[in-house]
Amino acid sequence: NKKPVDSEMFSSILELLGGTADYYMGRVEDPYI
């Protein structure tokens, strides 16, 4: 958490690792919902 994520990187992370944006943003505990 020392470097912010831009939309392009966020999109790449979702594509590579899977999970939902809500999970990475801390809104849910289950990575796939």
Full PDB file with SEQRES, HELIX, SHEET, SSBOND, CRYST1, ORIGX, SCALE, CONECT and MASTER records, all heavy atoms in Angstrom:
SEQRES   1 A   33  ASN LYS LYS PRO VAL ASP SER GLU MET PHE SER SER ILE          
SEQRES   2 A   33  LEU GLU LEU LEU GLY GLY THR ALA ASP TYR TYR MET GLY          
SEQRES   3 A   33  ARG VAL GLU ASP PRO TYR ILE                                  
HELIX    1 AA1 SER A    7  LEU A   17  1                                  11    
HELIX    2 AA2 ALA A   21  TYR A   24  1                                   4    
CRYST1    1.000    1.000    1.000  90.00  90.00  90.00 P 1           1          
ORIGX1      1.000000  0.000000  0.000000        0.00000                         
ORIGX2      0.000000  1.000000  0.000000        0.00000                         
ORIGX3      0.000000  0.000000  1.000000        0.00000                         
SCALE1      1.000000  0.000000  0.000000        0.00000                         
SCALE2      0.000000  1.000000  0.000000        0.00000                         
SCALE3      0.000000  0.000000  1.000000        0.00000                         
ATOM      1  N   ASN A   1       0.813  -1.231   0.000  1.00  0.00           N  
ATOM      2  CA  ASN A   1       0.000   0.000   0.000  1.00  0.00           C  
ATOM      3  C   ASN A   1       0.843   1.276   0.000  1.00  0.00           C  
ATOM      4  O   ASN A   1       0.451   2.283   0.569  1.00  0.00           O  
ATOM      5  CB  ASN A   1      -0.970   0.003   1.186  1.00  0.00           C  
ATOM      6  CG  ASN A   1      -1.957  -1.128   1.106  1.00  0.00           C  
ATOM      7  OD1 ASN A   1      -2.535  -1.388   0.053  1.00  0.00           O  
ATOM      8  ND2 ASN A   1      -2.128  -1.838   2.201  1.00  0.00           N  
ATOM      9  N   LYS A   2       1.982   1.215  -0.661  1.00  0.00           N  
ATOM     10  CA  LYS A   2       2.841   2.395  -0.763  1.00  0.00           C  
ATOM     11  C   LYS A   2       2.752   3.038  -2.134  1.00  0.00           C  
ATOM     12  O   LYS A   2       3.297   4.103  -2.356  1.00  0.00           O  
ATOM     13  CB  LYS A   2       4.294   2.016  -0.448  1.00  0.00           C  
ATOM     14  CG  LYS A   2       4.469   1.594   0.998  1.00  0.00           C  
ATOM     15  CD  LYS A   2       5.884   1.221   1.317  1.00  0.00           C  
ATOM     16  CE  LYS A   2       5.972   0.845   2.797  1.00  0.00           C  
ATOM     17  NZ  LYS A   2       7.276   0.389   3.193  1.00  0.00           N  
ATOM     18  N   LYS A   3       2.064   2.372  -3.065  1.00  0.00           N  
ATOM     19  CA  LYS A   3       1.866   2.910  -4.407  1.00  0.00           C  
ATOM     20  C   LYS A   3       0.410   2.687  -4.796  1.00  0.00           C  
ATOM     21  O   LYS A   3      -0.093   1.565  -4.685  1.00  0.00           O  
ATOM     22  CB  LYS A   3       2.793   2.211  -5.406  1.00  0.00           C  
ATOM     23  CG  LYS A   3       2.589   2.684  -6.843  1.00  0.00           C  
ATOM     24  CD  LYS A   3       3.660   2.166  -7.754  1.00  0.00           C  
ATOM     25  CE  LYS A   3       3.468   2.565  -9.194  1.00  0.00           C  
ATOM     26  NZ  LYS A   3       2.962   3.888  -9.446  1.00  0.00           N  
ATOM     27  N   PRO A   4      -0.256   3.733  -5.255  1.00  0.00           N  
ATOM     28  CA  PRO A   4      -1.660   3.565  -5.677  1.00  0.00           C  
ATOM     29  C   PRO A   4      -1.757   2.759  -6.977  1.00  0.00           C  
ATOM     30  O   PRO A   4      -0.804   2.667  -7.740  1.00  0.00           O  
ATOM     31  CB  PRO A   4      -2.150   4.997  -5.869  1.00  0.00           C  
ATOM     32  CG  PRO A   4      -0.923   5.802  -6.107  1.00  0.00           C  
ATOM     33  CD  PRO A   4       0.196   5.112  -5.394  1.00  0.00           C  
ATOM     34  N   VAL A   5      -2.913   2.190  -7.191  1.00  0.00           N  
ATOM     35  CA  VAL A   5      -3.183   1.389  -8.382  1.00  0.00           C  
ATOM     36  C   VAL A   5      -4.020   2.214  -9.348  1.00  0.00           C  
ATOM     37  O   VAL A   5      -5.057   2.745  -8.967  1.00  0.00           O  
ATOM     38  CB  VAL A   5      -3.937   0.100  -7.988  1.00  0.00           C  
ATOM     39  CG1 VAL A   5      -4.331  -0.696  -9.209  1.00  0.00           C  
ATOM     40  CG2 VAL A   5      -3.101  -0.732  -7.052  1.00  0.00           C  
ATOM     41  N   ASP A   6      -3.563   2.317 -10.593  1.00  0.00           N  
ATOM     42  CA  ASP A   6      -4.383   3.010 -11.601  1.00  0.00           C  
ATOM     43  C   ASP A   6      -5.334   2.002 -12.248  1.00  0.00           C  
ATOM     44  O   ASP A   6      -5.243   0.791 -12.008  1.00  0.00           O  
ATOM     45  CB  ASP A   6      -3.516   3.719 -12.641  1.00  0.00           C  
ATOM     46  CG  ASP A   6      -2.638   2.775 -13.448  1.00  0.00           C  
ATOM     47  OD1 ASP A   6      -2.981   1.583 -13.586  1.00  0.00           O  
ATOM     48  OD2 ASP A   6      -1.600   3.237 -13.965  1.00  0.00           O  
ATOM     49  N   SER A   7      -6.251   2.493 -13.045  1.00  0.00           N  
ATOM     50  CA  SER A   7      -7.289   1.625 -13.611  1.00  0.00           C  
ATOM     51  C   SER A   7      -6.706   0.546 -14.515  1.00  0.00           C  
ATOM     52  O   SER A   7      -7.189  -0.591 -14.525  1.00  0.00           O  
ATOM     53  CB  SER A   7      -8.333   2.452 -14.355  1.00  0.00           C  
ATOM     54  OG  SER A   7      -7.734   3.197 -15.377  1.00  0.00           O  
ATOM     55  N   GLU A   8      -5.660   0.863 -15.253  1.00  0.00           N  
ATOM     56  CA  GLU A   8      -5.048  -0.136 -16.140  1.00  0.00           C  
ATOM     57  C   GLU A   8      -4.440  -1.280 -15.324  1.00  0.00           C  
ATOM     58  O   GLU A   8      -4.624  -2.461 -15.642  1.00  0.00           O  
ATOM     59  CB  GLU A   8      -3.979   0.523 -17.011  1.00  0.00           C  
ATOM     60  CG  GLU A   8      -3.408  -0.401 -18.057  1.00  0.00           C  
ATOM     61  CD  GLU A   8      -2.406   0.302 -18.967  1.00  0.00           C  
ATOM     62  OE1 GLU A   8      -2.556   1.497 -19.233  1.00  0.00           O  
ATOM     63  OE2 GLU A   8      -1.464  -0.384 -19.393  1.00  0.00           O  
ATOM     64  N   MET A   9      -3.716  -0.950 -14.266  1.00  0.00           N  
ATOM     65  CA  MET A   9      -3.109  -1.976 -13.414  1.00  0.00           C  
ATOM     66  C   MET A   9      -4.198  -2.782 -12.702  1.00  0.00           C  
ATOM     67  O   MET A   9      -4.116  -4.011 -12.605  1.00  0.00           O  
ATOM     68  CB  MET A   9      -2.158  -1.348 -12.394  1.00  0.00           C  
ATOM     69  CG  MET A   9      -1.530  -2.352 -11.431  1.00  0.00           C  
ATOM     70  SD  MET A   9      -0.550  -3.661 -12.216  1.00  0.00           S  
ATOM     71  CE  MET A   9       0.914  -2.739 -12.642  1.00  0.00           C  
ATOM     72  N   PHE A  10      -5.229  -2.100 -12.217  1.00  0.00           N  
ATOM     73  CA  PHE A  10      -6.326  -2.785 -11.536  1.00  0.00           C  
ATOM     74  C   PHE A  10      -6.964  -3.810 -12.470  1.00  0.00           C  
ATOM     75  O   PHE A  10      -7.192  -4.963 -12.108  1.00  0.00           O  
ATOM     76  CB  PHE A  10      -7.352  -1.763 -11.055  1.00  0.00           C  
ATOM     77  CG  PHE A  10      -8.265  -2.249  -9.958  1.00  0.00           C  
ATOM     78  CD1 PHE A  10      -9.185  -1.385  -9.400  1.00  0.00           C  
ATOM     79  CD2 PHE A  10      -8.222  -3.536  -9.466  1.00  0.00           C  
ATOM     80  CE1 PHE A  10     -10.040  -1.796  -8.390  1.00  0.00           C  
ATOM     81  CE2 PHE A  10      -9.071  -3.972  -8.453  1.00  0.00           C  
ATOM     82  CZ  PHE A  10      -9.984  -3.090  -7.918  1.00  0.00           C  
ATOM     83  N   SER A  11      -7.209  -3.410 -13.688  1.00  0.00           N  
ATOM     84  CA  SER A  11      -7.798  -4.298 -14.678  1.00  0.00           C  
ATOM     85  C   SER A  11      -6.888  -5.499 -14.946  1.00  0.00           C  
ATOM     86  O   SER A  11      -7.350  -6.643 -15.027  1.00  0.00           O  
ATOM     87  CB  SER A  11      -8.039  -3.520 -15.975  1.00  0.00           C  
ATOM     88  OG  SER A  11      -8.585  -4.356 -16.952  1.00  0.00           O  
ATOM     89  N   SER A  12      -5.596  -5.252 -15.040  1.00  0.00           N  
ATOM     90  CA  SER A  12      -4.632  -6.339 -15.269  1.00  0.00           C  
ATOM     91  C   SER A  12      -4.604  -7.312 -14.091  1.00  0.00           C  
ATOM     92  O   SER A  12      -4.506  -8.531 -14.283  1.00  0.00           O  
ATOM     93  CB  SER A  12      -3.234  -5.770 -15.496  1.00  0.00           C  
ATOM     94  OG  SER A  12      -3.198  -4.993 -16.663  1.00  0.00           O  
ATOM     95  N   ILE A  13      -4.674  -6.783 -12.889  1.00  0.00           N  
ATOM     96  CA  ILE A  13      -4.684  -7.628 -11.686  1.00  0.00           C  
ATOM     97  C   ILE A  13      -5.914  -8.531 -11.692  1.00  0.00           C  
ATOM     98  O   ILE A  13      -5.822  -9.731 -11.449  1.00  0.00           O  
ATOM     99  CB  ILE A  13      -4.641  -6.754 -10.405  1.00  0.00           C  
ATOM    100  CG1 ILE A  13      -3.261  -6.102 -10.265  1.00  0.00           C  
ATOM    101  CG2 ILE A  13      -4.996  -7.571  -9.166  1.00  0.00           C  
ATOM    102  CD1 ILE A  13      -3.192  -4.985  -9.235  1.00  0.00           C  
ATOM    103  N   LEU A  14      -7.070  -7.949 -11.983  1.00  0.00           N  
ATOM    104  CA  LEU A  14      -8.308  -8.734 -12.023  1.00  0.00           C  
ATOM    105  C   LEU A  14      -8.226  -9.834 -13.075  1.00  0.00           C  
ATOM    106  O   LEU A  14      -8.647 -10.969 -12.834  1.00  0.00           O  
ATOM    107  CB  LEU A  14      -9.508  -7.829 -12.307  1.00  0.00           C  
ATOM    108  CG  LEU A  14      -9.902  -6.868 -11.188  1.00  0.00           C  
ATOM    109  CD1 LEU A  14     -10.945  -5.874 -11.687  1.00  0.00           C  
ATOM    110  CD2 LEU A  14     -10.415  -7.630  -9.978  1.00  0.00           C  
ATOM    111  N   GLU A  15      -7.672  -9.492 -14.229  1.00  0.00           N  
ATOM    112  CA  GLU A  15      -7.566 -10.466 -15.317  1.00  0.00           C  
ATOM    113  C   GLU A  15      -6.590 -11.596 -14.971  1.00  0.00           C  
ATOM    114  O   GLU A  15      -6.867 -12.766 -15.204  1.00  0.00           O  
ATOM    115  CB  GLU A  15      -7.110  -9.770 -16.598  1.00  0.00           C  
ATOM    116  CG  GLU A  15      -7.132 -10.655 -17.816  1.00  0.00           C  
ATOM    117  CD  GLU A  15      -6.771  -9.902 -19.076  1.00  0.00           C  
ATOM    118  OE1 GLU A  15      -7.173  -8.739 -19.226  1.00  0.00           O  
ATOM    119  OE2 GLU A  15      -6.073 -10.498 -19.906  1.00  0.00           O  
ATOM    120  N   LEU A  16      -5.456 -11.255 -14.378  1.00  0.00           N  
ATOM    121  CA  LEU A  16      -4.437 -12.251 -14.068  1.00  0.00           C  
ATOM    122  C   LEU A  16      -4.786 -13.112 -12.857  1.00  0.00           C  
ATOM    123  O   LEU A  16      -4.685 -14.336 -12.899  1.00  0.00           O  
ATOM    124  CB  LEU A  16      -3.081 -11.564 -13.817  1.00  0.00           C  
ATOM    125  CG  LEU A  16      -1.936 -12.490 -13.386  1.00  0.00           C  
ATOM    126  CD1 LEU A  16      -1.583 -13.455 -14.515  1.00  0.00           C  
ATOM    127  CD2 LEU A  16      -0.727 -11.678 -12.958  1.00  0.00           C  
ATOM    128  N   LEU A  17      -5.209 -12.474 -11.780  1.00  0.00           N  
ATOM    129  CA  LEU A  17      -5.390 -13.188 -10.513  1.00  0.00           C  
ATOM    130  C   LEU A  17      -6.826 -13.591 -10.225  1.00  0.00           C  
ATOM    131  O   LEU A  17      -7.081 -14.416  -9.347  1.00  0.00           O  
ATOM    132  CB  LEU A  17      -4.850 -12.342  -9.356  1.00  0.00           C  
ATOM    133  CG  LEU A  17      -3.364 -11.990  -9.450  1.00  0.00           C  
ATOM    134  CD1 LEU A  17      -2.963 -11.087  -8.299  1.00  0.00           C  
ATOM    135  CD2 LEU A  17      -2.507 -13.232  -9.509  1.00  0.00           C  
ATOM    136  N   GLY A  18      -7.780 -12.995 -10.927  1.00  0.00           N  
ATOM    137  CA  GLY A  18      -9.178 -13.291 -10.659  1.00  0.00           C  
ATOM    138  C   GLY A  18      -9.659 -12.548  -9.427  1.00  0.00           C  
ATOM    139  O   GLY A  18      -8.969 -11.675  -8.893  1.00  0.00           O  
ATOM    140  N   GLY A  19     -10.829 -12.918  -8.956  1.00  0.00           N  
ATOM    141  CA  GLY A  19     -11.430 -12.205  -7.841  1.00  0.00           C  
ATOM    142  C   GLY A  19     -12.264 -11.041  -8.343  1.00  0.00           C  
ATOM    143  O   GLY A  19     -12.305 -10.764  -9.541  1.00  0.00           O  
ATOM    144  N   THR A  20     -12.920 -10.387  -7.418  1.00  0.00           N  
ATOM    145  CA  THR A  20     -13.762  -9.252  -7.782  1.00  0.00           C  
ATOM    146  C   THR A  20     -13.118  -7.945  -7.338  1.00  0.00           C  
ATOM    147  O   THR A  20     -12.313  -7.926  -6.398  1.00  0.00           O  
ATOM    148  CB  THR A  20     -15.155  -9.346  -7.121  1.00  0.00           C  
ATOM    149  OG1 THR A  20     -15.000  -9.265  -5.693  1.00  0.00           O  
ATOM    150  CG2 THR A  20     -15.862 -10.647  -7.492  1.00  0.00           C  
ATOM    151  N   ALA A  21     -13.506  -6.875  -8.006  1.00  0.00           N  
ATOM    152  CA  ALA A  21     -13.017  -5.554  -7.616  1.00  0.00           C  
ATOM    153  C   ALA A  21     -13.424  -5.250  -6.177  1.00  0.00           C  
ATOM    154  O   ALA A  21     -12.641  -4.664  -5.417  1.00  0.00           O  
ATOM    155  CB  ALA A  21     -13.557  -4.490  -8.565  1.00  0.00           C  
ATOM    156  N   ASP A  22     -14.616  -5.662  -5.788  1.00  0.00           N  
ATOM    157  CA  ASP A  22     -15.083  -5.433  -4.416  1.00  0.00           C  
ATOM    158  C   ASP A  22     -14.160  -6.085  -3.393  1.00  0.00           C  
ATOM    159  O   ASP A  22     -13.927  -5.542  -2.317  1.00  0.00           O  
ATOM    160  CB  ASP A  22     -16.516  -5.952  -4.225  1.00  0.00           C  
ATOM    161  CG  ASP A  22     -17.554  -5.053  -4.875  1.00  0.00           C  
ATOM    162  OD1 ASP A  22     -17.321  -3.843  -4.970  1.00  0.00           O  
ATOM    163  OD2 ASP A  22     -18.597  -5.581  -5.295  1.00  0.00           O  
ATOM    164  N   TYR A  23     -13.628  -7.236  -3.712  1.00  0.00           N  
ATOM    165  CA  TYR A  23     -12.690  -7.910  -2.806  1.00  0.00           C  
ATOM    166  C   TYR A  23     -11.409  -7.084  -2.648  1.00  0.00           C  
ATOM    167  O   TYR A  23     -10.963  -6.821  -1.529  1.00  0.00           O  
ATOM    168  CB  TYR A  23     -12.350  -9.308  -3.328  1.00  0.00           C  
ATOM    169  CG  TYR A  23     -11.255  -9.987  -2.529  1.00  0.00           C  
ATOM    170  CD1 TYR A  23     -11.503 -10.461  -1.244  1.00  0.00           C  
ATOM    171  CD2 TYR A  23      -9.979 -10.142  -3.049  1.00  0.00           C  
ATOM    172  CE1 TYR A  23     -10.508 -11.077  -0.507  1.00  0.00           C  
ATOM    173  CE2 TYR A  23      -8.976 -10.764  -2.318  1.00  0.00           C  
ATOM    174  CZ  TYR A  23      -9.244 -11.215  -1.045  1.00  0.00           C  
ATOM    175  OH  TYR A  23      -8.246 -11.808  -0.313  1.00  0.00           O  
ATOM    176  N   TYR A  24     -10.843  -6.661  -3.754  1.00  0.00           N  
ATOM    177  CA  TYR A  24      -9.599  -5.883  -3.693  1.00  0.00           C  
ATOM    178  C   TYR A  24      -9.807  -4.518  -3.041  1.00  0.00           C  
ATOM    179  O   TYR A  24      -8.873  -3.941  -2.498  1.00  0.00           O  
ATOM    180  CB  TYR A  24      -9.002  -5.699  -5.092  1.00  0.00           C  
ATOM    181  CG  TYR A  24      -8.431  -6.971  -5.672  1.00  0.00           C  
ATOM    182  CD1 TYR A  24      -9.129  -7.711  -6.616  1.00  0.00           C  
ATOM    183  CD2 TYR A  24      -7.190  -7.448  -5.264  1.00  0.00           C  
ATOM    184  CE1 TYR A  24      -8.608  -8.889  -7.146  1.00  0.00           C  
ATOM    185  CE2 TYR A  24      -6.661  -8.624  -5.792  1.00  0.00           C  
ATOM    186  CZ  TYR A  24      -7.382  -9.333  -6.730  1.00  0.00           C  
ATOM    187  OH  TYR A  24      -6.853 -10.494  -7.248  1.00  0.00           O  
ATOM    188  N   MET A  25     -11.046  -4.028  -3.069  1.00  0.00           N  
ATOM    189  CA  MET A  25     -11.348  -2.732  -2.451  1.00  0.00           C  
ATOM    190  C   MET A  25     -11.769  -2.880  -0.990  1.00  0.00           C  
ATOM    191  O   MET A  25     -12.036  -1.899  -0.314  1.00  0.00           O  
ATOM    192  CB  MET A  25     -12.445  -2.011  -3.239  1.00  0.00           C  
ATOM    193  CG  MET A  25     -12.056  -1.676  -4.672  1.00  0.00           C  
ATOM    194  SD  MET A  25     -10.566  -0.676  -4.792  1.00  0.00           S  
ATOM    195  CE  MET A  25     -11.130   0.833  -4.077  1.00  0.00           C  
ATOM    196  N   GLY A  26     -11.844  -4.114  -0.509  1.00  0.00           N  
ATOM    197  CA  GLY A  26     -12.159  -4.349   0.895  1.00  0.00           C  
ATOM    198  C   GLY A  26     -13.635  -4.326   1.234  1.00  0.00           C  
ATOM    199  O   GLY A  26     -14.001  -4.283   2.401  1.00  0.00           O  
ATOM    200  N   ARG A  27     -14.486  -4.396   0.231  1.00  0.00           N  
ATOM    201  CA  ARG A  27     -15.929  -4.362   0.493  1.00  0.00           C  
ATOM    202  C   ARG A  27     -16.505  -5.727   0.828  1.00  0.00           C  
ATOM    203  O   ARG A  27     -17.594  -5.825   1.391  1.00  0.00           O  
ATOM    204  CB  ARG A  27     -16.667  -3.783  -0.713  1.00  0.00           C  
ATOM    205  CG  ARG A  27     -16.287  -2.326  -0.964  1.00  0.00           C  
ATOM    206  CD  ARG A  27     -17.183  -1.694  -1.979  1.00  0.00           C  
ATOM    207  NE  ARG A  27     -18.463  -1.418  -1.341  1.00  0.00           N  
ATOM    208  CZ  ARG A  27     -19.572  -1.199  -1.997  1.00  0.00           C  
ATOM    209  NH1 ARG A  27     -19.593  -1.224  -3.301  1.00  0.00           N  
ATOM    210  NH2 ARG A  27     -20.694  -0.952  -1.354  1.00  0.00           N  
ATOM    211  N   VAL A  28     -15.807  -6.799   0.461  1.00  0.00           N  
ATOM    212  CA  VAL A  28     -16.260  -8.159   0.749  1.00  0.00           C  
ATOM    213  C   VAL A  28     -15.065  -9.005   1.172  1.00  0.00           C  
ATOM    214  O   VAL A  28     -13.925  -8.676   0.861  1.00  0.00           O  
ATOM    215  CB  VAL A  28     -16.963  -8.815  -0.475  1.00  0.00           C  
ATOM    216  CG1 VAL A  28     -18.225  -8.077  -0.851  1.00  0.00           C  
ATOM    217  CG2 VAL A  28     -16.026  -8.920  -1.659  1.00  0.00           C  
ATOM    218  N   GLU A  29     -15.345 -10.083   1.884  1.00  0.00           N  
ATOM    219  CA  GLU A  29     -14.273 -10.967   2.335  1.00  0.00           C  
ATOM    220  C   GLU A  29     -14.032 -12.123   1.364  1.00  0.00           C  
ATOM    221  O   GLU A  29     -12.945 -12.655   1.306  1.00  0.00           O  
ATOM    222  CB  GLU A  29     -14.600 -11.526   3.726  1.00  0.00           C  
ATOM    223  CG  GLU A  29     -14.624 -10.462   4.801  1.00  0.00           C  
ATOM    224  CD  GLU A  29     -13.299  -9.714   4.938  1.00  0.00           C  
ATOM    225  OE1 GLU A  29     -12.237 -10.356   4.932  1.00  0.00           O  
ATOM    226  OE2 GLU A  29     -13.341  -8.477   5.024  1.00  0.00           O  
ATOM    227  N   ASP A  30     -15.057 -12.521   0.646  1.00  0.00           N  
ATOM    228  CA  ASP A  30     -14.938 -13.610  -0.321  1.00  0.00           C  
ATOM    229  C   ASP A  30     -14.407 -13.037  -1.633  1.00  0.00           C  
ATOM    230  O   ASP A  30     -15.030 -12.158  -2.219  1.00  0.00           O  
ATOM    231  CB  ASP A  30     -16.312 -14.245  -0.538  1.00  0.00           C  
ATOM    232  CG  ASP A  30     -16.281 -15.452  -1.460  1.00  0.00           C  
ATOM    233  OD1 ASP A  30     -15.450 -15.502  -2.385  1.00  0.00           O  
ATOM    234  OD2 ASP A  30     -17.110 -16.358  -1.252  1.00  0.00           O  
ATOM    235  N   PRO A  31     -13.267 -13.538  -2.127  1.00  0.00           N  
ATOM    236  CA  PRO A  31     -12.678 -12.972  -3.344  1.00  0.00           C  
ATOM    237  C   PRO A  31     -13.524 -13.138  -4.594  1.00  0.00           C  
ATOM    238  O   PRO A  31     -13.295 -12.454  -5.583  1.00  0.00           O  
ATOM    239  CB  PRO A  31     -11.361 -13.732  -3.514  1.00  0.00           C  
ATOM    240  CG  PRO A  31     -11.166 -14.552  -2.323  1.00  0.00           C  
ATOM    241  CD  PRO A  31     -12.442 -14.602  -1.558  1.00  0.00           C  
ATOM    242  N   TYR A  32     -14.496 -14.035  -4.559  1.00  0.00           N  
ATOM    243  CA  TYR A  32     -15.228 -14.350  -5.776  1.00  0.00           C  
ATOM    244  C   TYR A  32     -16.684 -13.901  -5.770  1.00  0.00           C  
ATOM    245  O   TYR A  32     -17.470 -14.336  -6.592  1.00  0.00           O  
ATOM    246  CB  TYR A  32     -15.132 -15.855  -6.053  1.00  0.00           C  
ATOM    247  CG  TYR A  32     -13.689 -16.290  -6.120  1.00  0.00           C  
ATOM    248  CD1 TYR A  32     -13.093 -16.969  -5.062  1.00  0.00           C  
ATOM    249  CD2 TYR A  32     -12.901 -15.955  -7.212  1.00  0.00           C  
ATOM    250  CE1 TYR A  32     -11.754 -17.326  -5.112  1.00  0.00           C  
ATOM    251  CE2 TYR A  32     -11.562 -16.299  -7.268  1.00  0.00           C  
ATOM    252  CZ  TYR A  32     -10.996 -16.986  -6.219  1.00  0.00           C  
ATOM    253  OH  TYR A  32      -9.671 -17.319  -6.262  1.00  0.00           O  
ATOM    254  N   ILE A  33     -17.035 -13.024  -4.849  1.00  0.00           N  
ATOM    255  CA  ILE A  33     -18.409 -12.528  -4.790  1.00  0.00           C  
ATOM    256  C   ILE A  33     -18.374 -11.003  -4.707  1.00  0.00           C  
ATOM    257  O   ILE A  33     -17.464 -10.426  -4.130  1.00  0.00           O  
ATOM    258  CB  ILE A  33     -19.171 -13.160  -3.595  1.00  0.00           C  
ATOM    259  CG1 ILE A  33     -20.672 -12.908  -3.711  1.00  0.00           C  
ATOM    260  CG2 ILE A  33     -18.640 -12.670  -2.277  1.00  0.00           C  
ATOM    261  CD1 ILE A  33     -21.492 -13.778  -2.766  1.00  0.00           C  
TER     262      ILE A  33                                                      
MASTER        0    0    0    2    0    0    0    6  261    1    0    3          
END                                                                             
